[in-house]
Amino acid sequence: MGAKYQPYPEYKDSGVEVIGDVPKSWVVGRLKQIVDQNRQITYGIVQAGPNKKGGIPYIRPADMTDEGGVKDYDGLLRTSPEIAADYERSKIKPGDIVCSIGPSFGKLMITPETLDGANLTQGTARVAISSAYNARYFFWALRATSSFQQWESSVGGATFRALNLGPLADTFVVVPSNSEQEKIANFLDHETAKIDSLIEKQQQLIKLLKEKRQAVISHAVTKGLNPNAPMRDSGVEWLGEVPEHWVPMQIRRILPDMEQGKSPECESREAENNEWGVLKTSCVNRAIYNSEANKALPSTVEPFPQYEVKKGDVLMSRASGSRDLIGSVAYVYETRPQILLSDKVFRLHLSSRVNRIFFSFLMQSSYMRSNIERAISGAEGMANNITKSAVIGFSFALPPEGEQDEIAETVTKKLDVFDGLIIKAESAIKIMQERRTALISSAVTGKIDVRNWQAPERSDNQSKEVAA
């Protein structure tokens, strides 16, 4: 972890490969040895019964936010006291560690006071640390990479990736002295909070950049680049005023054909370079085309080359399980060969007087997204689909061809700047997350010595902020 943190003076082999050397005075044990022997590691209610207002709350893996407790206390499902009484053995108390053990195994939380007496579902496990130890330290110990590696090895290759109670109870953990447990827990509470604050700032920056990015697109394709251009009412309530020389129309006037492909039974893997692949609905995600989002066409199925995607195509996601993907449009700047349209993806055949990149930006605008949302909601029995008739009925205003080219070029350059800043922020988040993970693992396995660490005193300004 660098010169900032020093190692312990002496180490020994822990005997556990994924943990490595540990400080000489530390002990290596299994999780089941440090839990309250009267409250062994267990999972919760198999079937909680109908939701009962005012009943006993119970926690599912989906309710948990990793490290942060539950997402919505008031929104928790509840069971009757009678049913809860039958599962007294899996009741949780403040300070207990809750671990998700279902397919998304490994999420962890410390039980807060508000969940005193709550219960768990089968997909979660209670780890009640003995009062002889510091529960917060062992919460962090279970967050260490070495714990996840042990859990992964116990579920590797399983069709249903669940963490069983046996491997969880047998997890090797490192046990320092009680004073060191407390010091390490306080250190990680403080240092991870600092990193989390920095990550949150980067996430807020990304959110702001994406909002500005969207605003640039929406303004350019509905109002133009010239702020002094004379405006007129478009005649479309949702569109408002448009430049006077733009021509209001429906998309049907510039879109003579919308073609969709076929969806034969494919293999559940991406096509190799020498194979044909059929696009998945996620191939057009947030206006970005991704040719790798495909499934391999079996060698026994004859490909249909007329549906091969080409550079310069404009594609639209027609149907998807995610509403955000429906109607998403992307210009194909590049594509690998032998990639075919599926029946859930439209290829838009635009008039020659329309700049295809301009049109892809138009369909990304907030105005068009609202049109798409209304079309999806209004499609009876087709809530995960958008129809050709809906798309060609959308109204917009078309600029002259030269102005379309200018808008496409200008917006592209501006988006390149935004995208560069977003990538930089995402990279910073990744580095901070990696540092956070390494810091936790180093502290709970004794690779760094934090016995002399002291929490920095708050400045006057920080104290005032907390008081406010």
Protein backbone atom coordinates (compact mmCIF):
# COMPACT_ATOMS: atom_id res chain seq x y z
CA MET A 1 0.00 0.00 0.00
CA GLY A 2 3.00 2.27 -0.36
CA ALA A 3 5.18 4.14 2.16
CA LYS A 4 2.17 5.67 3.93
CA TYR A 5 1.49 2.39 5.75
CA GLN A 6 4.22 0.29 7.33
CA PRO A 7 4.21 -3.51 7.77
CA TYR A 8 4.31 -5.33 11.10
CA PRO A 9 7.82 -6.18 12.33
CA GLU A 10 7.34 -9.99 12.16
CA TYR A 11 5.15 -12.33 10.12
CA LYS A 12 4.27 -16.02 9.92
CA ASP A 13 2.62 -18.24 7.33
CA SER A 14 -1.14 -18.26 7.89
CA GLY A 15 -1.46 -21.72 6.36
CA VAL A 16 -4.18 -20.36 4.06
CA GLU A 17 -2.97 -19.62 0.53
CA VAL A 18 -5.43 -16.79 -0.20
CA ILE A 19 -4.50 -15.01 3.05
CA GLY A 20 -0.72 -15.43 2.93
CA ASP A 21 1.54 -14.23 5.72
CA VAL A 22 0.01 -12.62 8.80
CA PRO A 23 1.51 -10.81 11.82
CA LYS A 24 3.25 -13.25 14.18
CA SER A 25 0.88 -12.60 17.10
CA TRP A 26 -2.33 -13.03 15.09
CA VAL A 27 -4.41 -16.22 15.04
CA VAL A 28 -6.13 -17.81 12.05
CA GLY A 29 -9.51 -19.39 12.69
CA ARG A 30 -12.81 -20.19 11.04
CA LEU A 31 -15.85 -17.93 11.13
CA LYS A 32 -17.91 -20.53 13.03
CA GLN A 33 -15.46 -20.33 15.92
CA ILE A 34 -16.01 -16.63 16.59
CA VAL A 35 -19.80 -16.46 16.38
CA ASP A 36 -22.08 -16.52 19.41
CA GLN A 37 -22.33 -20.26 20.10
CA ASN A 38 -25.95 -19.80 21.18
CA ARG A 39 -26.77 -18.11 17.84
CA GLN A 40 -25.06 -20.16 15.16
CA ILE A 41 -24.80 -19.06 11.52
CA THR A 42 -28.18 -19.69 9.92
CA TYR A 43 -30.51 -18.58 7.15
CA GLY A 44 -34.02 -17.28 7.50
CA ILE A 45 -37.65 -17.87 6.61
CA VAL A 46 -38.21 -20.20 3.68
CA GLN A 47 -41.71 -18.89 3.02
CA ALA A 48 -42.73 -15.73 4.82
CA GLY A 49 -46.36 -15.88 3.77
CA PRO A 50 -48.51 -12.98 2.60
CA ASN A 51 -47.29 -9.45 3.25
CA LYS A 52 -48.83 -8.20 6.50
CA LYS A 53 -49.02 -4.49 7.27
CA GLY A 54 -47.46 -3.76 10.65
CA GLY A 55 -45.96 -7.25 10.85
CA ILE A 56 -42.40 -8.36 11.47
CA PRO A 57 -40.06 -7.13 8.71
CA TYR A 58 -37.87 -9.62 6.90
CA ILE A 59 -34.92 -9.02 4.59
CA ARG A 60 -34.29 -10.44 1.15
CA PRO A 61 -30.99 -10.07 -0.76
CA ALA A 62 -32.77 -7.58 -3.04
CA ASP A 63 -33.50 -5.37 -0.02
CA MET A 64 -29.81 -5.06 0.89
CA THR A 65 -27.42 -2.34 -0.19
CA ASP A 66 -23.91 -3.71 0.11
CA GLU A 67 -22.39 -2.25 3.32
CA GLY A 68 -25.20 0.30 3.66
CA GLY A 69 -28.06 -1.57 5.32
CA VAL A 70 -31.42 -1.87 3.56
CA LYS A 71 -32.65 0.25 0.67
CA ASP A 72 -36.06 1.15 2.07
CA TYR A 73 -37.05 0.21 5.62
CA ASP A 74 -40.70 1.22 5.12
CA GLY A 75 -40.83 -0.82 1.92
CA LEU A 76 -39.70 -4.10 3.52
CA LEU A 77 -42.09 -7.03 3.28
CA ARG A 78 -43.52 -8.14 6.60
CA THR A 79 -44.85 -11.37 8.01
CA SER A 80 -47.22 -12.15 10.85
CA PRO A 81 -45.78 -12.45 14.38
CA GLU A 82 -47.03 -16.06 14.44
CA ILE A 83 -44.98 -17.04 11.39
CA ALA A 84 -41.98 -15.05 12.63
CA ALA A 85 -42.17 -16.88 15.97
CA ASP A 86 -41.68 -20.17 14.13
CA TYR A 87 -38.36 -18.85 12.87
CA GLU A 88 -37.03 -17.38 16.13
CA ARG A 89 -33.69 -19.04 15.42
CA SER A 90 -33.00 -16.66 12.51
CA LYS A 91 -34.03 -13.41 14.17
CA ILE A 92 -31.43 -10.65 13.85
CA LYS A 93 -30.25 -8.17 16.46
CA PRO A 94 -28.39 -4.85 16.15
CA GLY A 95 -24.74 -5.52 15.36
CA ASP A 96 -25.35 -8.85 13.63
CA ILE A 97 -23.80 -9.28 10.21
CA VAL A 98 -26.20 -10.20 7.41
CA CYS A 99 -24.74 -11.87 4.31
CA SER A 100 -26.57 -12.59 1.06
CA ILE A 101 -26.00 -16.21 0.06
CA GLY A 102 -28.18 -16.49 -3.07
CA PRO A 103 -26.96 -16.04 -6.66
CA SER A 104 -25.76 -12.53 -5.76
CA PHE A 105 -23.89 -13.90 -2.76
CA GLY A 106 -21.47 -11.76 -0.79
CA LYS A 107 -23.45 -8.60 -0.06
CA LEU A 108 -22.91 -7.67 3.59
CA MET A 109 -24.54 -5.35 6.07
CA ILE A 110 -24.46 -4.65 9.82
CA THR A 111 -27.92 -4.81 11.38
CA PRO A 112 -29.00 -1.33 12.55
CA GLU A 113 -31.17 -0.58 15.58
CA THR A 114 -34.20 -0.07 13.32
CA LEU A 115 -34.12 -3.75 12.31
CA ASP A 116 -33.97 -5.18 15.83
CA GLY A 117 -36.11 -8.33 15.80
CA ALA A 118 -36.39 -8.52 12.01
CA ASN A 119 -36.04 -11.86 10.24
CA LEU A 120 -34.31 -13.13 7.12
CA THR A 121 -35.28 -15.04 4.00
CA GLN A 122 -33.59 -18.19 2.76
CA GLY A 123 -31.33 -16.10 0.52
CA THR A 124 -29.63 -14.38 3.48
CA ALA A 125 -27.60 -15.61 6.44
CA ARG A 126 -27.08 -14.26 9.94
CA VAL A 127 -23.56 -14.12 11.34
CA ALA A 128 -23.83 -13.16 15.02
CA ILE A 129 -20.30 -12.41 16.19
CA SER A 130 -19.59 -13.32 19.82
CA SER A 131 -19.42 -10.40 22.26
CA ALA A 132 -15.84 -11.46 22.94
CA TYR A 133 -14.87 -10.00 19.55
CA ASN A 134 -15.39 -6.79 17.60
CA ALA A 135 -18.21 -7.43 15.13
CA ARG A 136 -17.27 -4.42 13.03
CA TYR A 137 -13.77 -5.82 12.47
CA PHE A 138 -15.18 -9.13 11.25
CA PHE A 139 -17.60 -7.30 8.98
CA TRP A 140 -14.53 -5.82 7.28
CA ALA A 141 -12.73 -9.18 7.39
CA LEU A 142 -15.59 -10.70 5.41
CA ARG A 143 -15.28 -7.82 2.91
CA ALA A 144 -11.68 -8.84 2.21
CA THR A 145 -10.71 -10.35 -1.13
CA SER A 146 -9.52 -13.51 0.64
CA SER A 147 -13.07 -14.18 1.93
CA PHE A 148 -14.62 -13.78 -1.51
CA GLN A 149 -11.96 -16.04 -3.02
CA GLN A 150 -12.84 -18.76 -0.51
CA TRP A 151 -16.55 -18.39 -1.29
CA GLU A 152 -15.96 -18.42 -5.04
CA SER A 153 -13.99 -21.68 -4.77
CA SER A 154 -16.93 -23.31 -3.00
CA VAL A 155 -19.48 -22.40 -5.69
CA GLY A 156 -17.33 -22.52 -8.82
CA GLY A 157 -19.02 -24.19 -11.76
CA ALA A 158 -22.41 -24.48 -10.06
CA THR A 159 -25.45 -23.79 -12.21
CA PHE A 160 -27.15 -22.04 -9.31
CA ARG A 161 -24.39 -19.99 -7.73
CA ALA A 162 -25.39 -19.98 -4.08
CA LEU A 163 -23.13 -19.84 -1.04
CA ASN A 164 -24.06 -22.66 1.34
CA LEU A 165 -23.92 -22.21 5.10
CA GLY A 166 -21.15 -24.81 5.44
CA PRO A 167 -18.56 -22.94 3.34
CA LEU A 168 -19.64 -19.64 4.92
CA ALA A 169 -19.13 -21.03 8.43
CA ASP A 170 -15.76 -22.51 7.40
CA THR A 171 -14.43 -19.21 6.03
CA PHE A 172 -10.91 -18.62 7.31
CA VAL A 173 -10.51 -15.26 9.07
CA VAL A 174 -7.55 -13.66 10.80
CA VAL A 175 -8.00 -12.75 14.46
CA PRO A 176 -5.79 -10.02 15.95
CA SER A 177 -6.01 -8.82 19.56
CA ASN A 178 -9.22 -7.08 20.63
CA SER A 179 -7.50 -3.69 20.74
CA GLU A 180 -6.19 -4.21 17.19
CA GLN A 181 -9.64 -5.35 16.02
CA GLU A 182 -11.12 -2.08 17.26
CA LYS A 183 -8.30 -0.01 15.79
CA ILE A 184 -8.57 -1.71 12.38
CA ALA A 185 -12.37 -1.34 12.35
CA ASN A 186 -12.12 2.38 13.18
CA PHE A 187 -9.38 2.84 10.57
CA LEU A 188 -11.42 1.17 7.82
CA ASP A 189 -14.62 2.98 8.82
CA HIS A 190 -12.80 6.29 8.42
CA GLU A 191 -10.66 5.56 5.36
CA THR A 192 -13.37 3.83 3.32
CA ALA A 193 -15.75 6.71 4.10
CA LYS A 194 -13.18 9.14 2.67
CA ILE A 195 -12.82 7.05 -0.48
CA ASP A 196 -16.60 6.66 -0.77
CA SER A 197 -16.98 10.43 -0.57
CA LEU A 198 -14.51 10.89 -3.42
CA ILE A 199 -16.26 8.21 -5.46
CA GLU A 200 -19.62 9.89 -4.88
CA LYS A 201 -18.22 13.20 -6.12
CA GLN A 202 -17.02 11.52 -9.31
CA GLN A 203 -20.42 9.85 -9.72
CA GLN A 204 -22.14 13.21 -9.33
CA LEU A 205 -19.75 14.66 -11.92
CA ILE A 206 -20.63 11.86 -14.35
CA LYS A 207 -24.33 12.49 -13.77
CA LEU A 208 -23.86 16.21 -14.45
CA LEU A 209 -21.79 15.54 -17.58
CA LYS A 210 -24.45 13.15 -18.92
CA GLU A 211 -27.18 15.73 -18.27
CA LYS A 212 -25.18 18.42 -20.10
CA ARG A 213 -24.43 15.96 -22.89
CA GLN A 214 -28.16 15.27 -23.28
CA ALA A 215 -28.96 19.00 -23.21
CA VAL A 216 -26.44 19.67 -26.02
CA ILE A 217 -28.03 17.00 -28.21
CA SER A 218 -31.62 18.03 -27.49
CA HIS A 219 -31.05 21.75 -28.07
CA ALA A 220 -29.04 21.30 -31.27
CA VAL A 221 -31.53 19.00 -33.03
CA THR A 222 -34.67 20.92 -32.02
CA LYS A 223 -33.48 24.56 -31.87
CA GLY A 224 -30.36 24.61 -34.05
CA LEU A 225 -26.91 26.11 -33.44
CA ASN A 226 -27.74 29.78 -34.13
CA PRO A 227 -29.18 31.43 -30.99
CA ASN A 228 -30.27 34.44 -33.09
CA ALA A 229 -32.24 32.48 -35.68
CA PRO A 230 -35.88 33.65 -36.05
CA MET A 231 -38.24 31.10 -34.49
CA ARG A 232 -41.81 30.00 -35.18
CA ASP A 233 -44.33 27.72 -33.55
CA SER A 234 -43.83 24.17 -34.80
CA GLY A 235 -47.50 23.37 -34.34
CA VAL A 236 -46.47 20.43 -32.13
CA GLU A 237 -47.16 20.98 -28.44
CA TRP A 238 -44.26 18.89 -27.18
CA LEU A 239 -41.76 20.39 -29.63
CA GLY A 240 -42.56 24.09 -29.18
CA GLU A 241 -40.77 26.68 -31.29
CA VAL A 242 -38.29 25.73 -34.03
CA PRO A 243 -36.11 27.80 -36.38
CA GLU A 244 -38.31 29.56 -38.94
CA HIS A 245 -36.63 27.96 -41.96
CA TRP A 246 -36.90 24.36 -40.63
CA VAL A 247 -39.72 22.22 -42.06
CA PRO A 248 -42.11 20.56 -39.57
CA MET A 249 -43.11 17.06 -40.67
CA GLN A 250 -43.65 13.50 -39.56
CA ILE A 251 -40.86 10.94 -39.73
CA ARG A 252 -42.79 8.98 -42.38
CA ARG A 253 -41.70 11.64 -44.94
CA ILE A 254 -38.01 10.84 -44.53
CA LEU A 255 -38.21 7.16 -43.58
CA PRO A 256 -39.54 5.09 -46.47
CA ASP A 257 -38.70 1.74 -44.87
CA MET A 258 -37.97 0.13 -41.50
CA GLU A 259 -36.50 -3.32 -41.90
CA GLN A 260 -36.19 -5.97 -39.21
CA GLY A 261 -34.28 -9.23 -39.36
CA LYS A 262 -34.90 -12.76 -38.11
CA SER A 263 -34.27 -14.46 -34.79
CA PRO A 264 -33.50 -18.15 -35.27
CA GLU A 265 -32.57 -20.27 -32.25
CA CYS A 266 -28.97 -19.26 -31.47
CA GLU A 267 -26.25 -20.50 -29.16
CA SER A 268 -25.86 -18.72 -25.81
CA ARG A 269 -22.43 -17.32 -26.62
CA GLU A 270 -20.87 -14.58 -28.72
CA ALA A 271 -19.97 -15.50 -32.29
CA GLU A 272 -16.31 -16.15 -33.07
CA ASN A 273 -14.60 -14.07 -35.80
CA ASN A 274 -15.27 -16.71 -38.46
CA GLU A 275 -18.92 -17.25 -37.46
CA TRP A 276 -22.20 -15.48 -38.14
CA GLY A 277 -23.86 -13.82 -35.18
CA VAL A 278 -27.38 -12.45 -34.58
CA LEU A 279 -27.72 -9.16 -32.69
CA LYS A 280 -29.23 -9.05 -29.21
CA THR A 281 -31.49 -6.16 -28.19
CA SER A 282 -28.63 -4.73 -26.11
CA CYS A 283 -26.65 -4.09 -29.31
CA VAL A 284 -28.07 -0.55 -29.27
CA ASN A 285 -27.57 0.69 -25.73
CA ARG A 286 -27.82 4.42 -24.97
CA ALA A 287 -27.25 5.31 -28.62
CA ILE A 288 -24.06 3.26 -28.91
CA TYR A 289 -23.86 0.33 -31.31
CA ASN A 290 -22.01 -2.73 -30.02
CA SER A 291 -21.49 -5.58 -32.50
CA GLU A 292 -20.24 -7.82 -29.67
CA ALA A 293 -23.79 -7.96 -28.28
CA ASN A 294 -24.69 -10.98 -30.41
CA LYS A 295 -25.36 -14.70 -30.21
CA ALA A 296 -23.65 -17.23 -32.45
CA LEU A 297 -25.76 -18.60 -35.30
CA PRO A 298 -25.52 -22.42 -35.26
CA SER A 299 -23.50 -23.83 -38.15
CA THR A 300 -26.54 -25.90 -39.12
CA VAL A 301 -28.59 -22.74 -39.80
CA GLU A 302 -28.15 -20.98 -43.14
CA PRO A 303 -27.33 -17.27 -42.62
CA PHE A 304 -29.44 -14.58 -44.27
CA PRO A 305 -26.84 -12.17 -45.75
CA GLN A 306 -29.45 -9.59 -46.77
CA TYR A 307 -29.74 -8.72 -43.05
CA GLU A 308 -26.00 -8.26 -42.50
CA VAL A 309 -25.25 -4.98 -40.68
CA LYS A 310 -23.09 -2.51 -42.61
CA LYS A 311 -21.10 0.57 -41.71
CA GLY A 312 -23.36 3.62 -42.04
CA ASP A 313 -26.54 1.81 -41.00
CA VAL A 314 -28.93 3.39 -38.50
CA LEU A 315 -30.32 0.83 -36.07
CA MET A 316 -33.18 1.00 -33.57
CA SER A 317 -33.97 -1.40 -30.75
CA ARG A 318 -37.59 -2.47 -31.36
CA ALA A 319 -38.23 -4.62 -28.30
CA SER A 320 -36.49 -5.29 -25.01
CA GLY A 321 -37.07 -6.33 -21.43
CA SER A 322 -35.66 -2.92 -20.46
CA ARG A 323 -37.84 0.06 -21.36
CA ASP A 324 -34.74 2.27 -21.53
CA LEU A 325 -33.46 0.26 -24.49
CA ILE A 326 -36.69 0.33 -26.49
CA GLY A 327 -36.46 2.88 -29.29
CA SER A 328 -32.76 3.49 -28.70
CA VAL A 329 -31.12 4.51 -31.99
CA ALA A 330 -27.46 4.34 -32.99
CA TYR A 331 -25.42 5.16 -36.07
CA VAL A 332 -23.08 2.31 -37.05
CA TYR A 333 -19.65 3.89 -37.29
CA GLU A 334 -17.91 0.51 -37.45
CA THR A 335 -18.99 -3.14 -37.23
CA ARG A 336 -17.41 -6.53 -37.43
CA PRO A 337 -18.51 -8.61 -40.46
CA GLN A 338 -21.10 -11.40 -40.42
CA ILE A 339 -23.42 -9.71 -37.92
CA LEU A 340 -27.14 -10.04 -38.66
CA LEU A 341 -30.23 -8.08 -37.67
CA SER A 342 -32.61 -9.86 -35.34
CA ASP A 343 -36.37 -9.39 -35.44
CA LYS A 344 -36.04 -7.12 -32.39
CA VAL A 345 -33.83 -4.58 -34.19
CA PHE A 346 -34.95 -2.20 -36.94
CA ARG A 347 -32.67 -0.97 -39.73
CA LEU A 348 -33.90 2.50 -40.70
CA HIS A 349 -33.72 3.28 -44.43
CA LEU A 350 -33.62 7.07 -44.46
CA SER A 351 -34.16 9.47 -47.34
CA SER A 352 -30.99 10.68 -49.06
CA ARG A 353 -31.73 14.24 -47.90
CA VAL A 354 -31.25 13.24 -44.26
CA ASN A 355 -27.87 13.13 -42.53
CA ARG A 356 -27.88 9.80 -40.71
CA ILE A 357 -25.77 11.00 -37.81
CA PHE A 358 -28.07 14.03 -37.39
CA PHE A 359 -31.05 11.67 -37.34
CA SER A 360 -29.45 9.42 -34.72
CA PHE A 361 -28.92 12.51 -32.52
CA LEU A 362 -32.52 13.59 -33.15
CA MET A 363 -33.77 10.23 -31.87
CA GLN A 364 -31.58 10.61 -28.76
CA SER A 365 -33.11 13.97 -27.87
CA SER A 366 -35.26 14.35 -24.77
CA TYR A 367 -38.18 15.31 -27.04
CA MET A 368 -37.98 12.06 -29.04
CA ARG A 369 -37.41 9.94 -25.95
CA SER A 370 -40.63 11.34 -24.49
CA ASN A 371 -42.40 10.40 -27.75
CA ILE A 372 -41.00 6.89 -27.50
CA GLU A 373 -42.04 6.54 -23.85
CA ARG A 374 -45.60 7.58 -24.69
CA ALA A 375 -45.69 5.16 -27.63
CA ILE A 376 -44.54 2.26 -25.43
CA SER A 377 -47.06 3.06 -22.70
CA GLY A 378 -49.86 3.38 -25.23
CA ALA A 379 -49.20 0.06 -26.95
CA GLU A 380 -51.85 -2.28 -25.52
CA GLY A 381 -50.38 -5.69 -24.81
CA MET A 382 -47.05 -4.57 -26.24
CA ALA A 383 -45.48 -2.78 -23.27
CA ASN A 384 -41.98 -3.95 -24.28
CA ASN A 385 -42.24 -3.05 -27.92
CA ILE A 386 -42.40 -0.06 -30.27
CA THR A 387 -44.16 -0.30 -33.61
CA LYS A 388 -43.29 1.05 -37.05
CA SER A 389 -46.54 2.99 -37.17
CA ALA A 390 -45.67 4.76 -33.91
CA VAL A 391 -42.17 5.73 -35.07
CA ILE A 392 -43.16 7.10 -38.47
CA GLY A 393 -45.91 9.13 -36.80
CA PHE A 394 -43.50 11.15 -34.64
CA SER A 395 -43.33 14.83 -35.59
CA PHE A 396 -40.14 16.89 -35.79
CA ALA A 397 -38.63 19.79 -37.76
CA LEU A 398 -36.08 19.10 -40.50
CA PRO A 399 -33.22 21.58 -41.12
CA PRO A 400 -31.69 22.07 -44.60
CA GLU A 401 -29.10 19.43 -45.52
CA GLY A 402 -26.09 21.68 -44.99
CA GLU A 403 -27.34 22.62 -41.53
CA GLN A 404 -27.91 18.97 -40.67
CA ASP A 405 -24.26 18.29 -41.55
CA GLU A 406 -23.11 21.21 -39.42
CA ILE A 407 -25.22 20.10 -36.44
CA ALA A 408 -23.96 16.51 -36.74
CA GLU A 409 -20.34 17.65 -36.87
CA THR A 410 -20.66 20.19 -34.03
CA VAL A 411 -22.55 17.86 -31.71
CA THR A 412 -20.08 15.04 -32.39
CA LYS A 413 -17.15 17.25 -31.36
CA LYS A 414 -18.91 18.43 -28.20
CA LEU A 415 -19.88 14.90 -27.24
CA ASP A 416 -16.29 13.75 -27.71
CA VAL A 417 -15.29 16.24 -25.00
CA PHE A 418 -18.05 15.11 -22.64
CA ASP A 419 -17.34 11.44 -23.30
CA GLY A 420 -13.62 11.98 -22.62
CA LEU A 421 -14.42 13.57 -19.26
CA ILE A 422 -16.86 10.78 -18.40
CA ILE A 423 -14.28 8.12 -19.24
CA LYS A 424 -11.72 9.95 -17.10
CA ALA A 425 -14.15 10.09 -14.15
CA GLU A 426 -15.09 6.42 -14.57
CA SER A 427 -11.40 5.51 -14.62
CA ALA A 428 -10.85 7.49 -11.41
CA ILE A 429 -13.75 5.62 -9.76
CA LYS A 430 -12.30 2.27 -10.81
CA ILE A 431 -8.89 3.17 -9.37
CA MET A 432 -10.46 4.34 -6.09
CA GLN A 433 -12.57 1.18 -5.83
CA GLU A 434 -9.48 -0.95 -6.39
CA ARG A 435 -7.59 1.03 -3.76
CA ARG A 436 -10.51 0.63 -1.33
CA THR A 437 -10.57 -3.15 -1.84
CA ALA A 438 -6.80 -3.40 -1.41
CA LEU A 439 -6.89 -1.25 1.74
CA ILE A 440 -9.55 -3.47 3.38
CA SER A 441 -7.68 -6.67 2.54
CA SER A 442 -4.33 -5.28 3.68
CA ALA A 443 -5.73 -4.07 7.01
CA VAL A 444 -7.62 -7.23 8.00
CA THR A 445 -4.74 -9.56 7.07
CA GLY A 446 -2.09 -7.42 8.76
CA LYS A 447 -0.18 -6.45 5.63
CA ILE A 448 -0.21 -2.91 7.04
CA ASP A 449 0.20 -1.85 10.67
CA VAL A 450 -2.44 0.68 11.76
CA ARG A 451 -1.97 0.32 15.53
CA ASN A 452 -0.71 3.89 15.80
CA TRP A 453 -3.34 5.35 13.49
CA GLN A 454 -5.44 8.20 14.86
CA ALA A 455 -8.54 9.69 13.30
CA PRO A 456 -7.71 13.25 12.16
CA GLU A 457 -9.34 15.95 14.26
CA ARG A 458 -12.15 17.83 12.57
CA SER A 459 -11.43 21.36 11.47
CA ASP A 460 -13.64 24.20 12.71
CA ASN A 461 -15.31 24.34 9.28
CA GLN A 462 -16.03 20.57 9.33
CA SER A 463 -17.52 20.85 12.82
CA LYS A 464 -19.76 23.70 11.69
CA GLU A 465 -20.88 21.64 8.68
CA VAL A 466 -21.80 18.70 10.93
CA ALA A 467 -23.65 21.02 13.33
CA ALA A 468 -25.57 22.56 10.44
